[in-house]
N, C-alpha and C. Protein backbone atom coordinates (compact mmCIF):
# COMPACT_ATOMS: atom_id res chain seq x y z
N MET A 1 -10.55 -15.37 -2.89
CA MET A 1 -9.68 -14.51 -2.10
C MET A 1 -9.55 -13.15 -2.79
N LYS A 2 -9.66 -12.09 -2.01
CA LYS A 2 -9.51 -10.74 -2.53
C LYS A 2 -8.05 -10.30 -2.43
N THR A 3 -7.71 -9.26 -3.16
CA THR A 3 -6.41 -8.61 -2.99
C THR A 3 -6.46 -7.85 -1.68
N ILE A 4 -5.41 -7.98 -0.88
CA ILE A 4 -5.37 -7.35 0.44
C ILE A 4 -4.38 -6.19 0.41
N LEU A 5 -4.86 -5.03 0.82
CA LEU A 5 -4.03 -3.83 0.93
C LEU A 5 -3.71 -3.61 2.40
N PHE A 6 -2.43 -3.66 2.73
CA PHE A 6 -1.99 -3.38 4.10
C PHE A 6 -1.73 -1.88 4.21
N TYR A 7 -2.23 -1.27 5.26
CA TYR A 7 -2.03 0.18 5.40
C TYR A 7 -1.77 0.52 6.85
N ASP A 8 -1.17 1.68 7.04
CA ASP A 8 -0.89 2.19 8.37
C ASP A 8 -2.01 3.16 8.71
N GLY A 9 -2.98 2.69 9.46
CA GLY A 9 -4.13 3.52 9.80
C GLY A 9 -4.01 4.18 11.15
N GLY A 10 -2.81 4.51 11.55
CA GLY A 10 -2.59 5.06 12.88
C GLY A 10 -3.17 6.44 13.12
N CYS A 11 -3.33 7.23 12.05
CA CYS A 11 -3.90 8.56 12.21
C CYS A 11 -4.62 8.95 10.93
N PRO A 12 -5.48 9.97 10.98
CA PRO A 12 -6.23 10.36 9.77
C PRO A 12 -5.32 10.72 8.60
N LEU A 13 -4.15 11.29 8.87
CA LEU A 13 -3.25 11.64 7.77
C LEU A 13 -2.76 10.39 7.06
N CYS A 14 -2.47 9.34 7.82
CA CYS A 14 -1.91 8.12 7.24
C CYS A 14 -2.92 7.35 6.43
N SER A 15 -4.18 7.41 6.80
CA SER A 15 -5.17 6.59 6.12
C SER A 15 -5.86 7.33 4.97
N ARG A 16 -5.37 8.54 4.65
CA ARG A 16 -5.99 9.33 3.58
C ARG A 16 -6.06 8.54 2.27
N GLU A 17 -4.95 7.92 1.89
CA GLU A 17 -4.92 7.18 0.63
C GLU A 17 -5.88 6.00 0.66
N VAL A 18 -6.02 5.36 1.80
CA VAL A 18 -6.90 4.20 1.92
C VAL A 18 -8.35 4.63 1.73
N ARG A 19 -8.73 5.76 2.29
CA ARG A 19 -10.10 6.27 2.09
C ARG A 19 -10.34 6.53 0.61
N HIS A 20 -9.31 7.02 -0.09
CA HIS A 20 -9.44 7.27 -1.52
C HIS A 20 -9.70 5.95 -2.27
N TYR A 21 -8.93 4.92 -1.96
CA TYR A 21 -9.11 3.63 -2.62
C TYR A 21 -10.47 3.02 -2.30
N ARG A 22 -10.90 3.15 -1.06
CA ARG A 22 -12.22 2.61 -0.69
C ARG A 22 -13.31 3.28 -1.50
N GLY A 23 -13.17 4.58 -1.75
CA GLY A 23 -14.15 5.29 -2.56
C GLY A 23 -14.18 4.81 -4.00
N LEU A 24 -13.02 4.41 -4.53
CA LEU A 24 -12.93 3.93 -5.91
C LEU A 24 -13.30 2.46 -6.05
N ASP A 25 -13.25 1.73 -4.95
CA ASP A 25 -13.47 0.28 -4.97
C ASP A 25 -14.96 -0.03 -4.84
N ARG A 26 -15.72 0.39 -5.82
CA ARG A 26 -17.18 0.18 -5.76
C ARG A 26 -17.56 -1.29 -5.86
N ALA A 27 -16.75 -2.09 -6.52
CA ALA A 27 -17.04 -3.52 -6.68
C ALA A 27 -16.56 -4.33 -5.48
N LYS A 28 -15.95 -3.66 -4.50
CA LYS A 28 -15.46 -4.32 -3.27
C LYS A 28 -14.49 -5.46 -3.61
N ARG A 29 -13.50 -5.16 -4.45
CA ARG A 29 -12.50 -6.15 -4.86
C ARG A 29 -11.29 -6.19 -3.93
N LEU A 30 -11.20 -5.23 -3.01
CA LEU A 30 -10.04 -5.14 -2.11
C LEU A 30 -10.46 -5.37 -0.66
N ASP A 31 -9.57 -5.98 0.11
CA ASP A 31 -9.70 -6.03 1.56
C ASP A 31 -8.62 -5.13 2.13
N TYR A 32 -8.88 -4.56 3.29
CA TYR A 32 -7.94 -3.62 3.89
C TYR A 32 -7.57 -4.13 5.27
N ILE A 33 -6.28 -4.18 5.54
CA ILE A 33 -5.82 -4.61 6.86
C ILE A 33 -4.93 -3.52 7.43
N ASP A 34 -5.32 -3.00 8.58
CA ASP A 34 -4.55 -2.00 9.29
C ASP A 34 -3.38 -2.71 9.98
N ILE A 35 -2.17 -2.34 9.61
CA ILE A 35 -1.00 -3.05 10.18
C ILE A 35 -0.83 -2.76 11.66
N ASN A 36 -1.46 -1.69 12.16
CA ASN A 36 -1.38 -1.43 13.59
C ASN A 36 -2.26 -2.39 14.38
N GLY A 37 -3.30 -2.92 13.72
CA GLY A 37 -4.23 -3.79 14.43
C GLY A 37 -4.01 -5.27 14.17
N ASP A 38 -3.37 -5.63 13.06
CA ASP A 38 -3.20 -7.04 12.72
C ASP A 38 -1.78 -7.31 12.25
N ARG A 39 -0.88 -7.43 13.21
CA ARG A 39 0.53 -7.70 12.87
C ARG A 39 0.79 -9.19 12.66
N VAL A 40 -0.14 -10.03 13.07
CA VAL A 40 0.05 -11.48 12.95
C VAL A 40 0.18 -11.88 11.49
N LEU A 41 -0.68 -11.33 10.64
CA LEU A 41 -0.62 -11.67 9.22
C LEU A 41 0.68 -11.16 8.60
N LEU A 42 1.11 -9.97 9.00
CA LEU A 42 2.41 -9.46 8.53
C LEU A 42 3.53 -10.42 8.89
N ASP A 43 3.55 -10.84 10.14
CA ASP A 43 4.58 -11.78 10.60
C ASP A 43 4.54 -13.07 9.79
N ALA A 44 3.34 -13.56 9.52
CA ALA A 44 3.19 -14.81 8.76
C ALA A 44 3.73 -14.66 7.34
N LEU A 45 3.66 -13.43 6.80
CA LEU A 45 4.17 -13.17 5.46
C LEU A 45 5.65 -12.83 5.45
N GLY A 46 6.23 -12.69 6.65
CA GLY A 46 7.66 -12.37 6.75
C GLY A 46 7.98 -10.91 6.51
N VAL A 47 7.01 -10.03 6.80
CA VAL A 47 7.22 -8.59 6.64
C VAL A 47 7.31 -7.96 8.02
N SER A 48 8.38 -7.24 8.28
CA SER A 48 8.50 -6.58 9.58
C SER A 48 7.58 -5.37 9.62
N PHE A 49 7.14 -5.04 10.80
CA PHE A 49 6.24 -3.91 10.99
C PHE A 49 6.88 -2.61 10.49
N LEU A 50 8.17 -2.41 10.78
CA LEU A 50 8.85 -1.19 10.36
C LEU A 50 8.91 -1.07 8.84
N VAL A 51 9.15 -2.18 8.16
CA VAL A 51 9.18 -2.16 6.69
C VAL A 51 7.77 -1.88 6.16
N ALA A 52 6.77 -2.46 6.77
CA ALA A 52 5.38 -2.26 6.33
C ALA A 52 4.96 -0.80 6.51
N GLN A 53 5.51 -0.12 7.51
CA GLN A 53 5.19 1.29 7.71
C GLN A 53 5.79 2.15 6.61
N ARG A 54 6.92 1.75 6.09
CA ARG A 54 7.64 2.57 5.09
C ARG A 54 7.19 2.34 3.66
N ARG A 55 6.68 1.14 3.37
CA ARG A 55 6.30 0.81 1.99
C ARG A 55 4.92 0.17 1.98
N LEU A 56 4.13 0.56 1.00
CA LEU A 56 2.82 -0.06 0.81
C LEU A 56 3.02 -1.53 0.45
N HIS A 57 2.27 -2.41 1.08
CA HIS A 57 2.32 -3.84 0.78
C HIS A 57 0.94 -4.33 0.36
N VAL A 58 0.93 -5.22 -0.63
CA VAL A 58 -0.31 -5.80 -1.13
C VAL A 58 -0.11 -7.29 -1.31
N LEU A 59 -1.08 -8.07 -0.85
CA LEU A 59 -1.09 -9.50 -1.09
C LEU A 59 -2.15 -9.74 -2.16
N THR A 60 -1.70 -10.15 -3.35
CA THR A 60 -2.64 -10.31 -4.46
C THR A 60 -3.49 -11.55 -4.27
N ARG A 61 -4.56 -11.63 -5.05
CA ARG A 61 -5.45 -12.80 -4.97
C ARG A 61 -4.73 -14.08 -5.37
N ASN A 62 -3.59 -13.98 -6.09
CA ASN A 62 -2.78 -15.16 -6.45
C ASN A 62 -1.82 -15.55 -5.34
N GLY A 63 -1.77 -14.74 -4.26
CA GLY A 63 -0.87 -15.04 -3.17
C GLY A 63 0.49 -14.39 -3.28
N LEU A 64 0.69 -13.48 -4.25
CA LEU A 64 1.95 -12.76 -4.39
C LEU A 64 1.98 -11.58 -3.43
N LEU A 65 3.09 -11.41 -2.74
CA LEU A 65 3.28 -10.25 -1.87
C LEU A 65 4.09 -9.21 -2.64
N LEU A 66 3.50 -8.04 -2.85
CA LEU A 66 4.17 -6.97 -3.60
C LEU A 66 4.29 -5.75 -2.72
N ASP A 67 5.30 -4.92 -3.00
CA ASP A 67 5.42 -3.68 -2.24
C ASP A 67 5.80 -2.54 -3.17
N GLY A 68 5.78 -1.32 -2.62
CA GLY A 68 6.15 -0.13 -3.39
C GLY A 68 5.25 0.10 -4.59
N ALA A 69 5.86 0.50 -5.71
CA ALA A 69 5.10 0.80 -6.94
C ALA A 69 4.41 -0.45 -7.46
N PHE A 70 5.01 -1.62 -7.25
CA PHE A 70 4.38 -2.87 -7.68
C PHE A 70 3.06 -3.08 -6.92
N ALA A 71 3.04 -2.71 -5.64
CA ALA A 71 1.81 -2.82 -4.84
C ALA A 71 0.75 -1.86 -5.35
N PHE A 72 1.16 -0.61 -5.65
CA PHE A 72 0.20 0.34 -6.20
C PHE A 72 -0.40 -0.18 -7.49
N ALA A 73 0.45 -0.74 -8.36
CA ALA A 73 -0.05 -1.26 -9.65
C ALA A 73 -1.03 -2.41 -9.41
N ALA A 74 -0.76 -3.24 -8.42
CA ALA A 74 -1.67 -4.36 -8.11
C ALA A 74 -3.03 -3.83 -7.63
N VAL A 75 -3.00 -2.77 -6.84
CA VAL A 75 -4.25 -2.16 -6.37
C VAL A 75 -5.00 -1.55 -7.55
N TRP A 76 -4.28 -0.81 -8.40
CA TRP A 76 -4.92 -0.19 -9.56
C TRP A 76 -5.56 -1.25 -10.45
N ARG A 77 -4.94 -2.42 -10.52
CA ARG A 77 -5.44 -3.51 -11.37
C ARG A 77 -6.85 -3.93 -10.94
N GLU A 78 -7.15 -3.74 -9.64
CA GLU A 78 -8.46 -4.13 -9.10
C GLU A 78 -9.52 -3.05 -9.30
N LEU A 79 -9.11 -1.83 -9.64
CA LEU A 79 -10.04 -0.72 -9.76
C LEU A 79 -10.33 -0.45 -11.24
N PRO A 80 -11.60 -0.53 -11.64
CA PRO A 80 -11.95 -0.43 -13.06
C PRO A 80 -11.36 0.79 -13.77
N TYR A 81 -11.36 1.94 -13.14
CA TYR A 81 -10.89 3.15 -13.80
C TYR A 81 -9.37 3.23 -13.90
N TYR A 82 -8.67 2.41 -13.15
CA TYR A 82 -7.20 2.45 -13.14
C TYR A 82 -6.57 1.23 -13.78
N ARG A 83 -7.38 0.25 -14.14
CA ARG A 83 -6.85 -1.00 -14.68
C ARG A 83 -5.97 -0.75 -15.90
N HIS A 84 -6.41 0.14 -16.78
CA HIS A 84 -5.63 0.43 -17.99
C HIS A 84 -4.25 1.00 -17.64
N LEU A 85 -4.18 1.80 -16.57
CA LEU A 85 -2.90 2.37 -16.14
C LEU A 85 -1.96 1.27 -15.64
N ALA A 86 -2.49 0.36 -14.84
CA ALA A 86 -1.67 -0.75 -14.34
C ALA A 86 -1.17 -1.60 -15.51
N ASP A 87 -2.04 -1.88 -16.47
CA ASP A 87 -1.63 -2.67 -17.64
C ASP A 87 -0.53 -1.97 -18.42
N ALA A 88 -0.66 -0.65 -18.61
CA ALA A 88 0.36 0.10 -19.34
C ALA A 88 1.69 0.07 -18.62
N LEU A 89 1.67 0.20 -17.29
CA LEU A 89 2.92 0.17 -16.53
C LEU A 89 3.64 -1.17 -16.70
N TYR A 90 2.87 -2.26 -16.66
CA TYR A 90 3.47 -3.58 -16.83
C TYR A 90 3.99 -3.78 -18.25
N LYS A 91 3.18 -3.40 -19.25
CA LYS A 91 3.58 -3.61 -20.65
C LYS A 91 4.81 -2.79 -21.04
N LEU A 92 4.89 -1.58 -20.52
CA LEU A 92 6.02 -0.70 -20.84
C LEU A 92 7.23 -0.97 -19.95
N ARG A 93 7.09 -1.91 -19.03
CA ARG A 93 8.18 -2.27 -18.10
C ARG A 93 8.69 -1.07 -17.30
N LEU A 94 7.75 -0.23 -16.90
CA LEU A 94 8.10 0.97 -16.15
C LEU A 94 8.14 0.76 -14.64
N LEU A 95 7.64 -0.36 -14.17
CA LEU A 95 7.53 -0.53 -12.72
C LEU A 95 8.87 -0.50 -11.97
N PRO A 96 9.94 -1.13 -12.48
CA PRO A 96 11.20 -1.03 -11.72
C PRO A 96 11.67 0.42 -11.55
N ALA A 97 11.56 1.24 -12.60
CA ALA A 97 11.96 2.64 -12.50
C ALA A 97 11.05 3.39 -11.53
N LEU A 98 9.74 3.14 -11.62
CA LEU A 98 8.81 3.79 -10.71
C LEU A 98 9.04 3.36 -9.27
N ASP A 99 9.46 2.12 -9.08
CA ASP A 99 9.71 1.64 -7.73
C ASP A 99 10.88 2.39 -7.09
N ARG A 100 11.89 2.70 -7.87
CA ARG A 100 13.02 3.48 -7.34
C ARG A 100 12.54 4.88 -6.95
N LEU A 101 11.71 5.48 -7.80
CA LEU A 101 11.15 6.80 -7.47
C LEU A 101 10.26 6.72 -6.23
N TYR A 102 9.46 5.66 -6.15
CA TYR A 102 8.59 5.46 -5.00
C TYR A 102 9.41 5.44 -3.71
N ASP A 103 10.55 4.73 -3.74
CA ASP A 103 11.41 4.68 -2.55
C ASP A 103 11.83 6.08 -2.11
N ARG A 104 12.22 6.90 -3.06
CA ARG A 104 12.67 8.26 -2.72
C ARG A 104 11.54 9.09 -2.13
N PHE A 105 10.39 9.07 -2.80
CA PHE A 105 9.27 9.89 -2.33
C PHE A 105 8.68 9.35 -1.03
N ALA A 106 8.63 8.03 -0.89
CA ALA A 106 8.07 7.44 0.33
C ALA A 106 8.91 7.83 1.54
N ALA A 107 10.23 7.86 1.36
CA ALA A 107 11.10 8.23 2.48
C ALA A 107 10.76 9.65 2.95
N LEU A 108 10.56 10.56 2.02
CA LEU A 108 10.20 11.93 2.39
C LEU A 108 8.79 12.00 2.95
N ARG A 109 7.86 11.32 2.30
CA ARG A 109 6.47 11.36 2.73
C ARG A 109 6.30 10.84 4.14
N PHE A 110 6.91 9.70 4.42
CA PHE A 110 6.73 9.11 5.73
C PHE A 110 7.47 9.88 6.81
N ARG A 111 8.53 10.57 6.42
CA ARG A 111 9.26 11.35 7.41
C ARG A 111 8.43 12.55 7.86
N HIS A 112 7.60 13.09 6.96
CA HIS A 112 6.87 14.32 7.27
C HIS A 112 5.38 14.15 7.50
N ARG A 113 4.84 12.96 7.25
CA ARG A 113 3.39 12.85 7.26
C ARG A 113 2.77 12.95 8.63
N CYS A 114 3.45 12.51 9.67
CA CYS A 114 2.87 12.53 11.00
C CYS A 114 3.77 13.34 11.93
N PRO A 115 3.43 14.59 12.14
CA PRO A 115 4.27 15.41 12.99
C PRO A 115 4.49 14.78 14.36
N ALA A 116 5.71 14.76 14.78
CA ALA A 116 6.10 14.26 16.11
C ALA A 116 5.68 12.82 16.34
N GLY A 117 5.55 12.04 15.27
CA GLY A 117 5.21 10.63 15.42
C GLY A 117 3.85 10.39 16.02
N ALA A 118 2.90 11.29 15.73
CA ALA A 118 1.57 11.23 16.34
C ALA A 118 0.86 9.90 16.05
N CYS A 119 1.20 9.28 14.94
CA CYS A 119 0.52 8.02 14.56
C CYS A 119 0.75 6.93 15.60
N HIS A 120 1.89 6.92 16.17
CA HIS A 120 2.28 5.78 16.99
C HIS A 120 2.59 6.17 18.44
N GLY A 121 2.16 7.36 18.81
CA GLY A 121 2.31 7.78 20.20
C GLY A 121 3.74 7.97 20.63
N ARG A 122 4.62 8.30 19.68
CA ARG A 122 6.00 8.58 20.10
C ARG A 122 6.45 9.89 19.49
N ALA A 123 7.34 10.54 20.18
CA ALA A 123 7.84 11.84 19.71
C ALA A 123 9.07 11.67 18.87
């Protein structure tokens, strides 16, 4: 089983980060699931669509569901050039603090990333 990265691929602006990860994932260690196209798996994991839109979610190969900065660290763990960064974050116990920062920045990012709600066809 691969680590699964859930993303909001509703518009080119939203999937920018996913294209970046795909470029770095030369060993093909990640699977990508667009939450707009596959909500069944989200429901099975107990994650609401609205929460998934606001926070990055990752299902690790061990079956752990992580979100926010913890999800980013799990993704980095799969990418050879970022593995050392993920290890440092865990060893230094920085993830809880980064997760609080992630919440603040994600709220701003998601509020402004898609003008007029273009991702989801609503104004």
